[in-house]
Each structure stands twice: as C-alpha cells, then as structure tokens.
Amino acid sequence: LIIPIIMTLIFMRLTCRKALRVFTEGSFKKKLGSWAIGFMLGFLCIALLDFAGYLAGIRTIAFGRFDWRILPMLPLVFIQSSAEEMLLRGYVPAVMEERHSWDSICFVSGTLFIFHHTMNMIYSGFDAVFCLDIFLMGVLYCLYVKWSGNFWISSGAHTGWNYTLLWLIGPGEEGDFPGLIGGTAKNSIWFYNENYGFQGTFSAAVLFTILICLMIYLLHRKKEL
C-alpha cells in the first residue's frame, strides 16, 4: 500500500504541483475535524442502510462480542481509502478546476470511481446498480471536498464507509466479513446485494441522491456553485 501511495504523490508533484495542497492547506485541527466529520458520515450511511433493511424484514441482527483485532484494521482501511481519494478528490479537481465547472469535475470523479472498482466486478460480476451507487458516491465525495475546502472529509467518509462495511456492521460487502453487528440478509435489489452488500442497492442510490441534493443546496447557499 505504501509504495503506490508514494508513487502517486511523486506523480502528483510532477504533473500538478498544486494538487498537493489538499494535504497542506488548513491547520492540523481543521484537517482532523474534517476527517472525523467524514468518518461519521460514512458510518451513518451504512447504519441507515442497514436499519432500512432491518425494517424491511430482509435483515436479521445479531450483536457480536467486541474483538480488539478489528482496531489495527482501521489504519489499513484509512491508507487504502485515502489513496483513492488522493487521486479522485485531490488530483482530479486540482487539474480540472481552472478550466472546468464543478459539474464536470464531479462527473469525471464519479466515473473514474467506477473504474477503480473494476476488480470488484471481475470477481463478482457486472452490476448496473452497483455502478450507479459508486458513481453517486464519487459525486457526493467530490461535493464534500468542495463544501469543506479540503480533501480530508472525503478521506474520512471513504474510510468510515469501508471500515463500517467490513468490520463494524455485517454481513460485509460480499458476505465474508462478520461485523460487531452481524446477522443475515436476504438478497434484495432495494436493501441488500448478495455480491456487493449495501452497495448495489436502490436504497443506497436514493440515500446518495438525497445527500447530493443537500450538498448542492448548502453550496448554493455559500455561493460556491
């Protein structure tokens, strides 16, 4: 994980030096605060989708015992998630923002986010709803960055989503990772995808669309869109 990140930083430095400002702008307190807000947003998204599945009757819940071994997984998930965010919500806006609107930036960022999940579809099969969810998630994370003014909120949201999905609330993305809140889930186009978990469901698409509309409203109020 570390070597690709170093190579990415070198690439960003050589091709678009200002892209590195996503790491340097603002105080450490502001960056940490943005990351924490993002993490909570990612966690709450999974929690809401899981609860919706429970209310719909396709999800059973079983509370597991806390296992300290899940804690070392957080920095690993952080590194993996932040590596994607560096490119898609750090580098892409820095390269495009001088000549293109944020509509275009969000579209490109969301589309590239789908390509970043190609391996998922190689192993689990193509799924149009999964692609839609990933695209909407990429657009949402881009708007988070525009709203907060730094990349760390999208890093936190991506980390919070992945960590919660894999290690806190199960069944996991492909049913392989039992969480602190385990149980079973029936395959449902609305609430749970047997291959992609909460990703690949219409409930996720609805949630992301609502959040995107909210972010656009907030950005218009700040006169930044």
C-alpha atoms as a PDB file:
ATOM      1  CA  LEU A   1       0.000   0.000   0.000  1.00  0.00           C
ATOM      2  CA  ILE A   2       2.766   2.456   0.914  1.00  0.00           C
ATOM      3  CA  ILE A   3       4.759   2.181  -2.330  1.00  0.00           C
ATOM      4  CA  PRO A   4       1.793   3.020  -4.640  1.00  0.00           C
ATOM      5  CA  ILE A   5       0.937   5.991  -2.426  1.00  0.00           C
ATOM      6  CA  ILE A   6       4.497   7.327  -2.615  1.00  0.00           C
ATOM      7  CA  MET A   7       4.443   6.864  -6.390  1.00  0.00           C
ATOM      8  CA  THR A   8       1.103   8.692  -6.525  1.00  0.00           C
ATOM      9  CA  LEU A   9       2.496  11.618  -4.542  1.00  0.00           C
ATOM     10  CA  ILE A  10       5.511  11.834  -6.860  1.00  0.00           C
ATOM     11  CA  PHE A  11       3.200  11.730  -9.889  1.00  0.00           C
ATOM     12  CA  MET A  12       1.035  14.497  -8.435  1.00  0.00           C
ATOM     13  CA  ARG A  13       4.130  16.576  -7.681  1.00  0.00           C
ATOM     14  CA  LEU A  14       5.499  16.239 -11.206  1.00  0.00           C
ATOM     15  CA  THR A  15       2.264  16.737 -13.136  1.00  0.00           C
ATOM     16  CA  CYS A  16       0.250  19.147 -10.999  1.00  0.00           C
ATOM     17  CA  ARG A  17       2.157  20.603  -8.093  1.00  0.00           C
ATOM     18  CA  LYS A  18      -0.831  22.448  -6.694  1.00  0.00           C
ATOM     19  CA  ALA A  19      -2.635  19.106  -6.248  1.00  0.00           C
ATOM     20  CA  LEU A  20      -0.542  18.555  -3.122  1.00  0.00           C
ATOM     21  CA  ARG A  21      -2.282  21.486  -1.448  1.00  0.00           C
ATOM     22  CA  VAL A  22      -5.005  19.064  -0.350  1.00  0.00           C
ATOM     23  CA  PHE A  23      -2.519  17.894   2.275  1.00  0.00           C
ATOM     24  CA  THR A  24      -1.089  21.252   3.283  1.00  0.00           C
ATOM     25  CA  GLU A  25      -3.995  23.724   3.363  1.00  0.00           C
ATOM     26  CA  GLY A  26      -5.533  24.416   6.752  1.00  0.00           C
ATOM     27  CA  SER A  27      -4.411  23.612  10.267  1.00  0.00           C
ATOM     28  CA  PHE A  28      -3.992  20.100  11.627  1.00  0.00           C
ATOM     29  CA  LYS A  29      -7.054  20.675  13.812  1.00  0.00           C
ATOM     30  CA  LYS A  30      -9.163  21.558  10.774  1.00  0.00           C
ATOM     31  CA  LYS A  31      -7.933  18.529   8.841  1.00  0.00           C
ATOM     32  CA  LEU A  32      -8.606  16.185  11.760  1.00  0.00           C
ATOM     33  CA  GLY A  33     -12.037  17.728  12.273  1.00  0.00           C
ATOM     34  CA  SER A  34     -12.904  17.323   8.585  1.00  0.00           C
ATOM     35  CA  TRP A  35     -11.724  13.719   8.614  1.00  0.00           C
ATOM     36  CA  ALA A  36     -13.786  12.945  11.747  1.00  0.00           C
ATOM     37  CA  ILE A  37     -16.909  14.519  10.211  1.00  0.00           C
ATOM     38  CA  GLY A  38     -16.373  12.476   7.072  1.00  0.00           C
ATOM     39  CA  PHE A  39     -15.882   9.271   9.047  1.00  0.00           C
ATOM     40  CA  MET A  40     -19.147   9.809  10.901  1.00  0.00           C
ATOM     41  CA  LEU A  41     -20.957  10.482   7.616  1.00  0.00           C
ATOM     42  CA  GLY A  42     -19.626   7.214   6.183  1.00  0.00           C
ATOM     43  CA  PHE A  43     -20.602   5.317   9.313  1.00  0.00           C
ATOM     44  CA  LEU A  44     -24.104   6.818   9.408  1.00  0.00           C
ATOM     45  CA  CYS A  45     -24.735   5.959   5.755  1.00  0.00           C
ATOM     46  CA  ILE A  46     -24.067   2.264   6.401  1.00  0.00           C
ATOM     47  CA  ALA A  47     -26.067   2.356   9.651  1.00  0.00           C
ATOM     48  CA  LEU A  48     -29.094   3.913   7.899  1.00  0.00           C
ATOM     49  CA  LEU A  49     -28.993   1.415   5.031  1.00  0.00           C
ATOM     50  CA  ASP A  50     -28.655  -1.488   7.430  1.00  0.00           C
ATOM     51  CA  PHE A  51     -31.536  -0.250   9.564  1.00  0.00           C
ATOM     52  CA  ALA A  52     -33.683   0.198   6.452  1.00  0.00           C
ATOM     53  CA  GLY A  53     -33.022  -3.444   5.561  1.00  0.00           C
ATOM     54  CA  TYR A  54     -33.973  -4.475   9.085  1.00  0.00           C
ATOM     55  CA  LEU A  55     -37.247  -2.531   8.908  1.00  0.00           C
ATOM     56  CA  ALA A  56     -37.992  -4.095   5.526  1.00  0.00           C
ATOM     57  CA  GLY A  57     -37.632  -7.556   7.037  1.00  0.00           C
ATOM     58  CA  ILE A  58     -34.735  -8.750   4.853  1.00  0.00           C
ATOM     59  CA  ARG A  59     -32.108  -8.309   7.569  1.00  0.00           C
ATOM     60  CA  THR A  60     -31.682 -10.077  10.902  1.00  0.00           C
ATOM     61  CA  ILE A  61     -29.406  -8.547  13.524  1.00  0.00           C
ATOM     62  CA  ALA A  62     -27.131 -10.376  15.945  1.00  0.00           C
ATOM     63  CA  PHE A  63     -24.822  -8.464  18.268  1.00  0.00           C
ATOM     64  CA  GLY A  64     -21.313  -9.880  18.426  1.00  0.00           C
ATOM     65  CA  ARG A  65     -18.606  -9.548  21.045  1.00  0.00           C
ATOM     66  CA  PHE A  66     -16.074  -6.751  20.632  1.00  0.00           C
ATOM     67  CA  ASP A  67     -12.822  -8.048  19.193  1.00  0.00           C
ATOM     68  CA  TRP A  68      -9.751  -5.853  19.665  1.00  0.00           C
ATOM     69  CA  ARG A  69      -8.269  -7.299  16.473  1.00  0.00           C
ATOM     70  CA  ILE A  70     -10.515  -5.051  14.385  1.00  0.00           C
ATOM     71  CA  LEU A  71      -8.704  -1.920  15.628  1.00  0.00           C
ATOM     72  CA  PRO A  72      -5.450  -2.484  13.671  1.00  0.00           C
ATOM     73  CA  MET A  73      -7.563  -2.717  10.535  1.00  0.00           C
ATOM     74  CA  LEU A  74      -8.555   0.961  10.777  1.00  0.00           C
ATOM     75  CA  PRO A  75      -5.186   2.416   9.665  1.00  0.00           C
ATOM     76  CA  LEU A  76      -5.037  -0.090   6.802  1.00  0.00           C
ATOM     77  CA  VAL A  77      -8.509   0.856   5.622  1.00  0.00           C
ATOM     78  CA  PHE A  78      -7.547   4.524   6.018  1.00  0.00           C
ATOM     79  CA  ILE A  79      -4.487   4.103   3.793  1.00  0.00           C
ATOM     80  CA  GLN A  80      -6.377   2.200   1.102  1.00  0.00           C
ATOM     81  CA  SER A  81      -9.334   4.599   1.089  1.00  0.00           C
ATOM     82  CA  SER A  82      -7.186   7.735   1.192  1.00  0.00           C
ATOM     83  CA  ALA A  83      -5.064   6.516  -1.725  1.00  0.00           C
ATOM     84  CA  GLU A  84      -8.156   6.545  -3.940  1.00  0.00           C
ATOM     85  CA  GLU A  85      -9.258   9.903  -2.576  1.00  0.00           C
ATOM     86  CA  MET A  86      -5.848  11.447  -3.290  1.00  0.00           C
ATOM     87  CA  LEU A  87      -6.320  10.814  -6.989  1.00  0.00           C
ATOM     88  CA  LEU A  88     -10.065  11.228  -7.439  1.00  0.00           C
ATOM     89  CA  ARG A  89     -10.897  14.020  -4.996  1.00  0.00           C
ATOM     90  CA  GLY A  90      -7.440  15.584  -4.706  1.00  0.00           C
ATOM     91  CA  TYR A  91      -5.715  15.346  -8.069  1.00  0.00           C
ATOM     92  CA  VAL A  92      -8.727  15.434 -10.418  1.00  0.00           C
ATOM     93  CA  PRO A  93     -10.224  18.701  -9.043  1.00  0.00           C
ATOM     94  CA  ALA A  94      -6.772  20.346  -8.953  1.00  0.00           C
ATOM     95  CA  VAL A  95      -6.182  19.554 -12.629  1.00  0.00           C
ATOM     96  CA  MET A  96      -9.688  20.439 -13.849  1.00  0.00           C
ATOM     97  CA  GLU A  97     -10.923  23.338 -11.723  1.00  0.00           C
ATOM     98  CA  GLU A  98      -9.239  26.153 -13.687  1.00  0.00           C
ATOM     99  CA  ARG A  99     -10.913  25.248 -16.986  1.00  0.00           C
ATOM    100  CA  HIS A 100     -13.973  23.236 -15.998  1.00  0.00           C
ATOM    101  CA  SER A 101     -17.003  23.646 -13.763  1.00  0.00           C
ATOM    102  CA  TRP A 102     -17.590  21.533 -10.702  1.00  0.00           C
ATOM    103  CA  ASP A 103     -20.370  19.754 -12.584  1.00  0.00           C
ATOM    104  CA  SER A 104     -17.734  18.361 -14.924  1.00  0.00           C
ATOM    105  CA  ILE A 105     -15.320  17.651 -12.078  1.00  0.00           C
ATOM    106  CA  CYS A 106     -17.956  15.668 -10.171  1.00  0.00           C
ATOM    107  CA  PHE A 107     -18.903  13.712 -13.308  1.00  0.00           C
ATOM    108  CA  VAL A 108     -15.297  12.777 -14.102  1.00  0.00           C
ATOM    109  CA  SER A 109     -14.535  11.930 -10.480  1.00  0.00           C
ATOM    110  CA  GLY A 110     -17.640   9.729 -10.193  1.00  0.00           C
ATOM    111  CA  THR A 111     -16.941   7.976 -13.487  1.00  0.00           C
ATOM    112  CA  LEU A 112     -13.325   7.242 -12.588  1.00  0.00           C
ATOM    113  CA  PHE A 113     -14.537   5.902  -9.248  1.00  0.00           C
ATOM    114  CA  ILE A 114     -16.414   3.190 -11.175  1.00  0.00           C
ATOM    115  CA  PHE A 115     -13.199   2.190 -12.943  1.00  0.00           C
ATOM    116  CA  HIS A 116     -11.464   1.976  -9.562  1.00  0.00           C
ATOM    117  CA  HIS A 117     -13.951  -0.770  -8.705  1.00  0.00           C
ATOM    118  CA  THR A 118     -13.385  -2.816 -11.848  1.00  0.00           C
ATOM    119  CA  MET A 119     -11.758  -5.618  -9.858  1.00  0.00           C
ATOM    120  CA  ASN A 120     -14.915  -5.974  -7.771  1.00  0.00           C
ATOM    121  CA  MET A 121     -16.915  -6.627 -10.920  1.00  0.00           C
ATOM    122  CA  ILE A 122     -14.315  -9.007 -12.350  1.00  0.00           C
ATOM    123  CA  TYR A 123     -14.757 -11.210  -9.282  1.00  0.00           C
ATOM    124  CA  SER A 124     -18.442 -10.672  -8.582  1.00  0.00           C
ATOM    125  CA  GLY A 125     -19.916  -9.835 -11.976  1.00  0.00           C
ATOM    126  CA  PHE A 126     -21.151  -6.649 -13.594  1.00  0.00           C
ATOM    127  CA  ASP A 127     -23.987  -4.912 -11.777  1.00  0.00           C
ATOM    128  CA  ALA A 128     -25.564  -1.727 -13.159  1.00  0.00           C
ATOM    129  CA  VAL A 129     -26.982  -0.646  -9.775  1.00  0.00           C
ATOM    130  CA  PHE A 130     -23.559  -1.127  -8.176  1.00  0.00           C
ATOM    131  CA  CYS A 131     -22.048   1.141 -10.861  1.00  0.00           C
ATOM    132  CA  LEU A 132     -24.776   3.717 -10.228  1.00  0.00           C
ATOM    133  CA  ASP A 133     -24.116   3.670  -6.480  1.00  0.00           C
ATOM    134  CA  ILE A 134     -20.363   4.010  -6.957  1.00  0.00           C
ATOM    135  CA  PHE A 135     -20.840   6.908  -9.380  1.00  0.00           C
ATOM    136  CA  LEU A 136     -23.184   8.722  -6.990  1.00  0.00           C
ATOM    137  CA  MET A 137     -20.799   8.104  -4.104  1.00  0.00           C
ATOM    138  CA  GLY A 138     -17.951   9.617  -6.125  1.00  0.00           C
ATOM    139  CA  VAL A 139     -20.039  12.697  -6.925  1.00  0.00           C
ATOM    140  CA  LEU A 140     -21.029  13.039  -3.262  1.00  0.00           C
ATOM    141  CA  TYR A 141     -17.428  12.827  -2.058  1.00  0.00           C
ATOM    142  CA  CYS A 142     -16.447  15.489  -4.598  1.00  0.00           C
ATOM    143  CA  LEU A 143     -19.134  17.799  -3.240  1.00  0.00           C
ATOM    144  CA  TYR A 144     -17.900  17.111   0.301  1.00  0.00           C
ATOM    145  CA  VAL A 145     -14.480  18.383  -0.776  1.00  0.00           C
ATOM    146  CA  LYS A 146     -15.951  21.498  -2.386  1.00  0.00           C
ATOM    147  CA  TRP A 147     -18.026  22.187   0.725  1.00  0.00           C
ATOM    148  CA  SER A 148     -15.266  21.648   3.310  1.00  0.00           C
ATOM    149  CA  GLY A 149     -12.391  23.083   1.275  1.00  0.00           C
ATOM    150  CA  ASN A 150     -10.095  20.126   1.825  1.00  0.00           C
ATOM    151  CA  PHE A 151      -9.652  16.518   0.800  1.00  0.00           C
ATOM    152  CA  TRP A 152      -9.727  15.070   4.319  1.00  0.00           C
ATOM    153  CA  ILE A 153     -13.507  14.965   4.617  1.00  0.00           C
ATOM    154  CA  SER A 154     -13.738  12.608   1.637  1.00  0.00           C
ATOM    155  CA  SER A 155     -10.885  10.548   3.064  1.00  0.00           C
ATOM    156  CA  GLY A 156     -12.836  10.235   6.318  1.00  0.00           C
ATOM    157  CA  ALA A 157     -16.123   9.414   4.554  1.00  0.00           C
ATOM    158  CA  HIS A 158     -14.481   6.736   2.414  1.00  0.00           C
ATOM    159  CA  THR A 159     -12.676   5.275   5.434  1.00  0.00           C
ATOM    160  CA  GLY A 160     -15.828   5.354   7.560  1.00  0.00           C
ATOM    161  CA  TRP A 161     -17.867   3.643   4.841  1.00  0.00           C
ATOM    162  CA  ASN A 162     -15.331   0.877   4.164  1.00  0.00           C
ATOM    163  CA  TYR A 163     -14.420   0.259   7.797  1.00  0.00           C
ATOM    164  CA  THR A 164     -18.046   0.104   8.908  1.00  0.00           C
ATOM    165  CA  LEU A 165     -18.984  -2.074   5.947  1.00  0.00           C
ATOM    166  CA  LEU A 166     -16.207  -4.586   6.546  1.00  0.00           C
ATOM    167  CA  TRP A 167     -15.606  -4.612  10.284  1.00  0.00           C
ATOM    168  CA  LEU A 168     -18.401  -2.963  12.256  1.00  0.00           C
ATOM    169  CA  ILE A 169     -21.748  -3.770  10.660  1.00  0.00           C
ATOM    170  CA  GLY A 170     -22.166  -7.061   8.802  1.00  0.00           C
ATOM    171  CA  PRO A 171     -22.792  -9.037   6.778  1.00  0.00           C
ATOM    172  CA  GLY A 172     -19.937  -7.477   4.860  1.00  0.00           C
ATOM    173  CA  GLU A 173     -19.547  -6.320   1.293  1.00  0.00           C
ATOM    174  CA  GLU A 174     -19.527  -9.851  -0.088  1.00  0.00           C
ATOM    175  CA  GLY A 175     -20.785 -11.669   2.998  1.00  0.00           C
ATOM    176  CA  ASP A 176     -17.247 -12.582   4.059  1.00  0.00           C
ATOM    177  CA  PHE A 177     -16.618 -10.164   6.911  1.00  0.00           C
ATOM    178  CA  PRO A 178     -18.702 -10.602  10.083  1.00  0.00           C
ATOM    179  CA  GLY A 179     -19.049  -7.329  11.956  1.00  0.00           C
ATOM    180  CA  LEU A 180     -19.749  -6.304  15.524  1.00  0.00           C
ATOM    181  CA  ILE A 181     -23.371  -6.239  14.447  1.00  0.00           C
ATOM    182  CA  GLY A 182     -23.752  -9.436  12.454  1.00  0.00           C
ATOM    183  CA  GLY A 183     -26.692 -11.441  11.276  1.00  0.00           C
ATOM    184  CA  THR A 184     -28.050 -12.481   7.923  1.00  0.00           C
ATOM    185  CA  ALA A 185     -29.566 -10.698   4.943  1.00  0.00           C
ATOM    186  CA  LYS A 186     -31.689 -11.848   2.041  1.00  0.00           C
ATOM    187  CA  ASN A 187     -30.796 -10.757  -1.466  1.00  0.00           C
ATOM    188  CA  SER A 188     -32.842  -7.674  -2.350  1.00  0.00           C
ATOM    189  CA  ILE A 189     -32.460  -5.130  -5.147  1.00  0.00           C
ATOM    190  CA  TRP A 190     -33.639  -2.482  -2.702  1.00  0.00           C
ATOM    191  CA  PHE A 191     -31.821  -3.279   0.519  1.00  0.00           C
ATOM    192  CA  TYR A 192     -29.029  -5.846   0.178  1.00  0.00           C
ATOM    193  CA  ASN A 193     -26.995  -7.157  -2.743  1.00  0.00           C
ATOM    194  CA  GLU A 194     -25.607 -10.649  -2.165  1.00  0.00           C
ATOM    195  CA  ASN A 195     -22.446  -9.762  -4.102  1.00  0.00           C
ATOM    196  CA  TYR A 196     -21.915  -6.125  -3.115  1.00  0.00           C
ATOM    197  CA  GLY A 197     -23.676  -5.688   0.194  1.00  0.00           C
ATOM    198  CA  PHE A 198     -25.339  -2.306   0.652  1.00  0.00           C
ATOM    199  CA  GLN A 199     -23.568  -1.113  -2.477  1.00  0.00           C
ATOM    200  CA  GLY A 200     -25.588  -2.291  -5.427  1.00  0.00           C
ATOM    201  CA  THR A 201     -28.989  -1.420  -3.920  1.00  0.00           C
ATOM    202  CA  PHE A 202     -31.583   1.187  -4.818  1.00  0.00           C
ATOM    203  CA  SER A 203     -31.803   2.302  -1.189  1.00  0.00           C
ATOM    204  CA  ALA A 204     -28.140   3.380  -1.392  1.00  0.00           C
ATOM    205  CA  ALA A 205     -28.835   5.241  -4.646  1.00  0.00           C
ATOM    206  CA  VAL A 206     -31.746   7.067  -3.008  1.00  0.00           C
ATOM    207  CA  LEU A 207     -29.653   7.966   0.051  1.00  0.00           C
ATOM    208  CA  PHE A 208     -26.750   9.260  -2.055  1.00  0.00           C
ATOM    209  CA  THR A 209     -29.117  11.277  -4.257  1.00  0.00           C
ATOM    210  CA  ILE A 210     -30.671  12.931  -1.192  1.00  0.00           C
ATOM    211  CA  LEU A 211     -27.234  13.776   0.204  1.00  0.00           C
ATOM    212  CA  ILE A 212     -26.072  15.128  -3.159  1.00  0.00           C
ATOM    213  CA  CYS A 213     -29.131  17.403  -3.333  1.00  0.00           C
ATOM    214  CA  LEU A 214     -28.448  18.566   0.225  1.00  0.00           C
ATOM    215  CA  MET A 215     -24.796  19.339  -0.566  1.00  0.00           C
ATOM    216  CA  ILE A 216     -25.793  21.265  -3.719  1.00  0.00           C
ATOM    217  CA  TYR A 217     -28.253  23.284  -1.636  1.00  0.00           C
ATOM    218  CA  LEU A 218     -25.605  24.060   1.006  1.00  0.00           C
ATOM    219  CA  LEU A 219     -23.054  25.013  -1.643  1.00  0.00           C
ATOM    220  CA  HIS A 220     -25.547  27.314  -3.350  1.00  0.00           C
ATOM    221  CA  ARG A 221     -26.205  28.985  -0.008  1.00  0.00           C
ATOM    222  CA  LYS A 222     -22.449  29.543   0.338  1.00  0.00           C
ATOM    223  CA  LYS A 223     -22.458  30.756  -3.298  1.00  0.00           C
ATOM    224  CA  GLU A 224     -19.770  28.243  -4.200  1.00  0.00           C
ATOM    225  CA  LEU A 225     -21.712  26.551  -7.009  1.00  0.00           C
END
